[in-house]
Amino acid sequence: MGTQRVDCIFVDNMNQKENGLELTRYIRHEENNSLREMPIILCTAFTGLQSITRARDAGVTEVLAKPVSPDQIMEKMENAFLNKRSFVDIEAYTGPDRRRRTVDYAGEEDRRSSYALPPKQDEQGD
């Protein structure tokens, strides 16, 4: 079999030991991985705020809620490819920029200095 080009990765978030978020973290944190900056679309039935936040923090590009339709798949792929966000690679996070919109900030303090990783929770915690 020859070399094939991959443009996007779809992962599923099953309630198992090896789920889509763990795979996403692995892809995002492997330094010698050619797929590291590839768009990752998570298919999941867990659509609560905590689940979406965990997916975002794992480095998922888009979240696709189950049950899916062809239109929803196309919408998420278009957003991943046409509204591409810059890739962030810092100690606390690796993945597409989590900010979806830019908001001017007129304050004086440096909000980034208080960043802390959230505690790890299981999927049923929504």
Protein backbone atom coordinates (compact mmCIF):
# COMPACT_ATOMS: atom_id res chain seq x y z
CA MET A 1 0.00 0.00 0.00
CA GLY A 2 1.38 3.43 -0.94
CA THR A 3 1.57 6.61 1.06
CA GLN A 4 -1.80 8.30 1.48
CA ARG A 5 -2.44 11.89 2.47
CA VAL A 6 -4.74 12.57 5.40
CA ASP A 7 -6.51 15.94 5.72
CA CYS A 8 -8.61 15.46 8.86
CA ILE A 9 -8.98 13.00 11.73
CA PHE A 10 -12.36 11.92 13.13
CA VAL A 11 -12.32 10.41 16.62
CA ASP A 12 -15.17 9.02 18.67
CA ASN A 13 -15.57 9.66 22.37
CA MET A 14 -16.71 6.36 23.79
CA ASN A 15 -16.91 5.73 27.51
CA GLN A 16 -13.96 3.33 27.42
CA LYS A 17 -10.38 3.42 28.64
CA GLU A 18 -8.95 4.44 25.26
CA ASN A 19 -11.30 7.13 23.99
CA GLY A 20 -11.15 9.96 21.47
CA LEU A 21 -9.86 12.53 23.95
CA GLU A 22 -6.94 10.32 24.95
CA LEU A 23 -6.09 9.76 21.29
CA THR A 24 -6.32 13.51 20.66
CA ARG A 25 -3.96 14.27 23.57
CA TYR A 26 -1.53 11.65 22.26
CA ILE A 27 -1.56 13.13 18.75
CA ARG A 28 -1.18 16.71 20.02
CA HIS A 29 1.70 15.93 22.41
CA GLU A 30 3.87 13.59 20.29
CA GLU A 31 6.64 15.93 19.15
CA ASN A 32 7.77 13.88 16.13
CA ASN A 33 4.22 13.32 14.89
CA SER A 34 3.37 14.62 11.41
CA LEU A 35 -0.34 14.61 12.39
CA ARG A 36 0.19 16.95 15.36
CA GLU A 37 -1.45 20.01 13.77
CA MET A 38 -4.06 18.06 11.80
CA PRO A 39 -7.70 19.11 12.38
CA ILE A 40 -9.37 16.65 14.78
CA ILE A 41 -13.16 16.39 14.86
CA LEU A 42 -14.63 14.63 17.88
CA CYS A 43 -17.91 12.72 17.42
CA THR A 44 -19.69 12.44 20.75
CA ALA A 45 -23.05 12.07 22.45
CA PHE A 46 -21.66 13.90 25.50
CA THR A 47 -22.49 17.54 24.74
CA GLY A 48 -22.65 19.11 28.18
CA LEU A 49 -20.51 22.15 28.96
CA GLN A 50 -17.93 20.09 30.91
CA SER A 51 -17.58 17.58 28.06
CA ILE A 52 -17.16 20.33 25.46
CA THR A 53 -14.62 22.10 27.68
CA ARG A 54 -12.63 18.87 28.17
CA ALA A 55 -12.66 18.26 24.40
CA ARG A 56 -11.45 21.80 23.73
CA ASP A 57 -8.72 21.48 26.36
CA ALA A 58 -7.59 18.13 24.90
CA GLY A 59 -6.92 19.86 21.57
CA VAL A 60 -10.01 18.94 19.56
CA THR A 61 -10.63 21.27 16.62
CA GLU A 62 -14.40 20.75 16.35
CA VAL A 63 -17.08 18.79 18.22
CA LEU A 64 -19.72 16.91 16.24
CA ALA A 65 -22.79 15.97 18.30
CA LYS A 66 -24.39 12.56 17.75
CA PRO A 67 -26.52 11.63 15.95
CA VAL A 68 -24.71 13.19 13.01
CA SER A 69 -25.94 14.23 9.59
CA PRO A 70 -23.99 14.84 6.37
CA ASP A 71 -24.74 18.58 6.67
CA GLN A 72 -23.28 18.69 10.18
CA ILE A 73 -20.16 16.84 9.06
CA MET A 74 -19.66 19.30 6.20
CA GLU A 75 -20.22 22.28 8.53
CA LYS A 76 -17.56 21.07 10.98
CA MET A 77 -15.09 20.27 8.20
CA GLU A 78 -15.63 23.66 6.56
CA ASN A 79 -15.11 25.38 9.90
CA ALA A 80 -11.92 23.37 10.56
CA PHE A 81 -10.46 24.13 7.12
CA LEU A 82 -11.80 27.58 6.23
CA ASN A 83 -11.74 29.19 9.70
CA LYS A 84 -8.44 27.67 10.73
CA ARG A 85 -7.16 28.88 14.09
CA SER A 86 -3.48 29.25 14.87
CA PHE A 87 -1.77 26.27 16.54
CA VAL A 88 -0.68 26.76 20.16
CA ASP A 89 2.17 24.74 21.66
CA ILE A 90 2.86 25.60 25.29
CA GLU A 91 3.41 23.51 28.41
CA ALA A 92 -0.21 23.75 29.61
CA TYR A 93 -1.89 23.23 26.21
CA THR A 94 -1.19 21.97 22.70
CA GLY A 95 -3.76 22.33 19.94
CA PRO A 96 -5.71 24.90 17.95
CA ASP A 97 -6.17 28.27 19.64
CA ARG A 98 -9.11 27.81 22.00
CA ARG A 99 -10.38 31.33 21.36
CA ARG A 100 -13.00 31.41 18.62
CA ARG A 101 -13.32 35.17 18.57
CA THR A 102 -11.08 38.05 19.47
CA VAL A 103 -12.25 40.50 22.09
CA ASP A 104 -10.36 43.67 22.88
CA TYR A 105 -9.10 43.77 26.43
CA ALA A 106 -8.49 47.16 27.99
CA GLY A 107 -7.42 45.97 31.45
CA GLU A 108 -3.96 46.27 32.93
CA GLU A 109 -3.44 42.85 34.53
CA ASP A 110 -1.94 39.89 32.71
CA ARG A 111 -4.75 37.31 32.81
CA ARG A 112 -2.46 34.53 31.52
CA SER A 113 -0.39 34.51 34.72
CA SER A 114 -3.23 32.88 36.68
CA TYR A 115 -3.78 29.98 34.27
CA ALA A 116 -4.07 26.56 35.91
CA LEU A 117 -5.06 23.21 34.47
CA PRO A 118 -8.58 22.10 35.48
CA PRO A 119 -8.93 18.91 37.53
CA LYS A 120 -9.44 15.75 35.47
CA GLN A 121 -13.01 14.42 35.58
CA ASP A 122 -14.72 11.44 34.01
CA GLU A 123 -17.30 11.80 31.22
CA GLN A 124 -20.24 10.97 33.47
CA GLY A 125 -19.54 14.12 35.54
CA ASP A 126 -21.75 16.40 33.38
